[in-house]
Amino acid sequence: EVQLAESGGGWVQPGGSLSLSCVVSGFTLDDYAIGWFRQAPGQEREGVSCFSRRDGSSYNADYTEGRFTISTDNAKNSASLQMRFLKPGDTGVYYCAAVRSTMWGSCNAFLSSAGMDYWGKGTLVTVSS
């Protein structure tokens, strides 16, 4: 059975940090690109970050520069998203997602939420004072 189990969401003040985790079962990250989407209230789901172990591709939305870092852990078959200098605009539900890797550019799929193979249930991140 495929599962993407997210954890680590919560409330944080502006300027604070949070770390999200996504533990995967039912497939290996050697074969799938993995990353995060987020959805703010009333907004469409948007890609945040992605990494593919197979082809080495990555994707990071412009607003993540200098603030968010995605990483994977081979032993735990998991991915993490380290978020720093959080802003109120980062508030939303963060979803872990995976798509089968191709020979190149696998993370291009994270430009749209339509092509994902698997989704987690989401974890809420609230940034407010």
Foldseek 3Di string as FASTA:
>chain_A
DWAWDKDWADEDAAQAKIKMKTFIPDDALQFKKKAKWWDDVPGDIAFAKIARPNQGDMDHDPVCPPFWDKDADRVRRMIMIIGGSDDQVVWGWMKMFIAGDDNDDRHVVRRDPPHTDDIHPTDTHGYHD
